[in-house]
Amino acid sequence: MGEQLRFVSKEEAHKLIDAMPGNCVLVIKYNNIIGMSDNEKYVKKKRGKRYVDKSETLVLVDSRPILTLNLHDKFIKDFSEYNRENIVRSIMLAKLE
């Protein structure tokens, strides 16, 4: 089973962050020049939700056992325009079933 992509609303992203155990989420900052960087850090859920609020497009990548919430700085209307080049940050979420 491959990755499944879907757009999510900011409200849905907030709920996903709130559903994670603990009070922090893992955020990876993306660098367009070198690709996904090793600059990762845990931030409080409140800060993670602020990152969500500043984003133009939110894409949820479902790849077992991790959900990745990609935060884009540009508006994307459909997946024919989707590429990873305008990802600003990714929030890594454990898949809760």
C-alpha atoms as a PDB file:
ATOM      1  CA  MET A   1       0.000   0.000   0.000  1.00  0.00           C
ATOM      2  CA  GLY A   2       1.520   3.346  -1.082  1.00  0.00           C
ATOM      3  CA  GLU A   3       1.128   6.821   0.227  1.00  0.00           C
ATOM      4  CA  GLN A   4      -2.295   8.407   0.181  1.00  0.00           C
ATOM      5  CA  LEU A   5      -2.545  12.181  -0.159  1.00  0.00           C
ATOM      6  CA  ARG A   6      -5.458  14.407   0.706  1.00  0.00           C
ATOM      7  CA  PHE A   7      -6.086  18.038   1.432  1.00  0.00           C
ATOM      8  CA  VAL A   8      -7.190  18.855   4.976  1.00  0.00           C
ATOM      9  CA  SER A   9      -8.694  21.943   6.521  1.00  0.00           C
ATOM     10  CA  LYS A  10      -6.956  23.910   9.234  1.00  0.00           C
ATOM     11  CA  GLU A  11      -9.636  22.757  11.678  1.00  0.00           C
ATOM     12  CA  GLU A  12      -8.990  19.103  10.846  1.00  0.00           C
ATOM     13  CA  ALA A  13      -5.230  19.652  11.199  1.00  0.00           C
ATOM     14  CA  HIS A  14      -5.792  21.197  14.642  1.00  0.00           C
ATOM     15  CA  LYS A  15      -7.836  18.146  15.683  1.00  0.00           C
ATOM     16  CA  LEU A  16      -5.098  15.768  14.467  1.00  0.00           C
ATOM     17  CA  ILE A  17      -2.488  17.669  16.478  1.00  0.00           C
ATOM     18  CA  ASP A  18      -4.716  17.727  19.568  1.00  0.00           C
ATOM     19  CA  ALA A  19      -5.286  13.949  19.296  1.00  0.00           C
ATOM     20  CA  MET A  20      -1.561  13.193  19.616  1.00  0.00           C
ATOM     21  CA  PRO A  21      -0.428  11.975  23.034  1.00  0.00           C
ATOM     22  CA  GLY A  22       1.719  14.361  25.039  1.00  0.00           C
ATOM     23  CA  ASN A  23       2.003  18.104  24.661  1.00  0.00           C
ATOM     24  CA  CYS A  24       4.510  18.299  21.750  1.00  0.00           C
ATOM     25  CA  VAL A  25       4.714  17.369  18.066  1.00  0.00           C
ATOM     26  CA  LEU A  26       7.737  16.747  15.849  1.00  0.00           C
ATOM     27  CA  VAL A  27       8.262  19.457  13.221  1.00  0.00           C
ATOM     28  CA  ILE A  28      10.731  19.148  10.353  1.00  0.00           C
ATOM     29  CA  LYS A  29      11.671  22.319   8.526  1.00  0.00           C
ATOM     30  CA  TYR A  30      12.020  21.914   4.770  1.00  0.00           C
ATOM     31  CA  ASN A  31      14.827  23.509   2.779  1.00  0.00           C
ATOM     32  CA  ASN A  32      14.160  23.844  -0.973  1.00  0.00           C
ATOM     33  CA  ILE A  33      17.867  23.850  -1.824  1.00  0.00           C
ATOM     34  CA  ILE A  34      18.904  20.636  -0.064  1.00  0.00           C
ATOM     35  CA  GLY A  35      15.533  18.958   0.429  1.00  0.00           C
ATOM     36  CA  MET A  36      14.167  17.801   3.788  1.00  0.00           C
ATOM     37  CA  SER A  37      16.666  18.919   6.348  1.00  0.00           C
ATOM     38  CA  ASP A  38      17.827  17.269   9.530  1.00  0.00           C
ATOM     39  CA  ASN A  39      16.594  20.359  11.367  1.00  0.00           C
ATOM     40  CA  GLU A  40      13.862  18.715  13.381  1.00  0.00           C
ATOM     41  CA  LYS A  41      12.529  19.707  16.745  1.00  0.00           C
ATOM     42  CA  TYR A  42       9.704  19.061  19.104  1.00  0.00           C
ATOM     43  CA  VAL A  43       7.428  22.038  19.622  1.00  0.00           C
ATOM     44  CA  LYS A  44       4.418  22.588  21.820  1.00  0.00           C
ATOM     45  CA  LYS A  45       1.141  21.714  20.144  1.00  0.00           C
ATOM     46  CA  LYS A  46       0.110  25.377  20.340  1.00  0.00           C
ATOM     47  CA  ARG A  47       3.099  26.402  18.186  1.00  0.00           C
ATOM     48  CA  GLY A  48       2.396  23.547  15.765  1.00  0.00           C
ATOM     49  CA  LYS A  49      -1.137  24.888  15.321  1.00  0.00           C
ATOM     50  CA  ARG A  50       0.258  28.380  14.656  1.00  0.00           C
ATOM     51  CA  TYR A  51       2.368  26.893  11.847  1.00  0.00           C
ATOM     52  CA  VAL A  52      -0.825  25.355  10.461  1.00  0.00           C
ATOM     53  CA  ASP A  53      -2.630  28.696  10.618  1.00  0.00           C
ATOM     54  CA  LYS A  54       0.141  30.443   8.646  1.00  0.00           C
ATOM     55  CA  SER A  55       0.079  27.864   5.829  1.00  0.00           C
ATOM     56  CA  GLU A  56      -1.812  28.272   2.567  1.00  0.00           C
ATOM     57  CA  THR A  57      -2.344  24.565   1.806  1.00  0.00           C
ATOM     58  CA  LEU A  58      -2.288  21.523   4.082  1.00  0.00           C
ATOM     59  CA  VAL A  59      -1.681  18.059   2.664  1.00  0.00           C
ATOM     60  CA  LEU A  60      -1.991  14.951   4.797  1.00  0.00           C
ATOM     61  CA  VAL A  61       0.266  12.094   3.687  1.00  0.00           C
ATOM     62  CA  ASP A  62      -0.920   8.762   5.028  1.00  0.00           C
ATOM     63  CA  SER A  63       1.948   6.279   5.010  1.00  0.00           C
ATOM     64  CA  ARG A  64       1.774   3.643   7.667  1.00  0.00           C
ATOM     65  CA  PRO A  65       2.476   4.007  10.576  1.00  0.00           C
ATOM     66  CA  ILE A  66       3.069   7.760  10.276  1.00  0.00           C
ATOM     67  CA  LEU A  67       0.857  10.612   9.166  1.00  0.00           C
ATOM     68  CA  THR A  68       2.744  13.573   7.762  1.00  0.00           C
ATOM     69  CA  LEU A  69       1.062  16.943   7.659  1.00  0.00           C
ATOM     70  CA  ASN A  70       2.833  18.952   4.941  1.00  0.00           C
ATOM     71  CA  LEU A  71       2.448  22.703   5.331  1.00  0.00           C
ATOM     72  CA  HIS A  72       2.734  24.611   2.046  1.00  0.00           C
ATOM     73  CA  ASP A  73       3.333  28.318   1.571  1.00  0.00           C
ATOM     74  CA  LYS A  74       1.401  28.397  -1.725  1.00  0.00           C
ATOM     75  CA  PHE A  75      -2.203  27.692  -2.607  1.00  0.00           C
ATOM     76  CA  ILE A  76      -2.650  24.350  -4.383  1.00  0.00           C
ATOM     77  CA  LYS A  77      -6.058  23.696  -5.920  1.00  0.00           C
ATOM     78  CA  ASP A  78      -5.550  20.076  -6.987  1.00  0.00           C
ATOM     79  CA  PHE A  79      -2.959  17.328  -6.928  1.00  0.00           C
ATOM     80  CA  SER A  80      -1.964  17.843 -10.575  1.00  0.00           C
ATOM     81  CA  GLU A  81      -0.151  20.955  -9.256  1.00  0.00           C
ATOM     82  CA  TYR A  82       1.258  19.181  -6.214  1.00  0.00           C
ATOM     83  CA  ASN A  83       4.979  18.986  -5.673  1.00  0.00           C
ATOM     84  CA  ARG A  84       7.114  18.987  -2.593  1.00  0.00           C
ATOM     85  CA  GLU A  85       9.053  22.093  -3.565  1.00  0.00           C
ATOM     86  CA  ASN A  86       6.830  24.519  -1.695  1.00  0.00           C
ATOM     87  CA  ILE A  87       6.655  22.611   1.584  1.00  0.00           C
ATOM     88  CA  VAL A  88       7.718  24.869   4.414  1.00  0.00           C
ATOM     89  CA  ARG A  89       7.353  22.422   7.280  1.00  0.00           C
ATOM     90  CA  SER A  90       6.124  18.916   7.957  1.00  0.00           C
ATOM     91  CA  ILE A  91       4.497  17.852  11.198  1.00  0.00           C
ATOM     92  CA  MET A  92       4.958  14.166  11.930  1.00  0.00           C
ATOM     93  CA  LEU A  93       2.024  12.455  13.633  1.00  0.00           C
ATOM     94  CA  ALA A  94       1.696   8.905  14.904  1.00  0.00           C
ATOM     95  CA  LYS A  95      -1.185   7.063  13.286  1.00  0.00           C
ATOM     96  CA  LEU A  96      -3.793   6.395  15.934  1.00  0.00           C
ATOM     97  CA  GLU A  97      -6.240   3.625  15.127  1.00  0.00           C
END
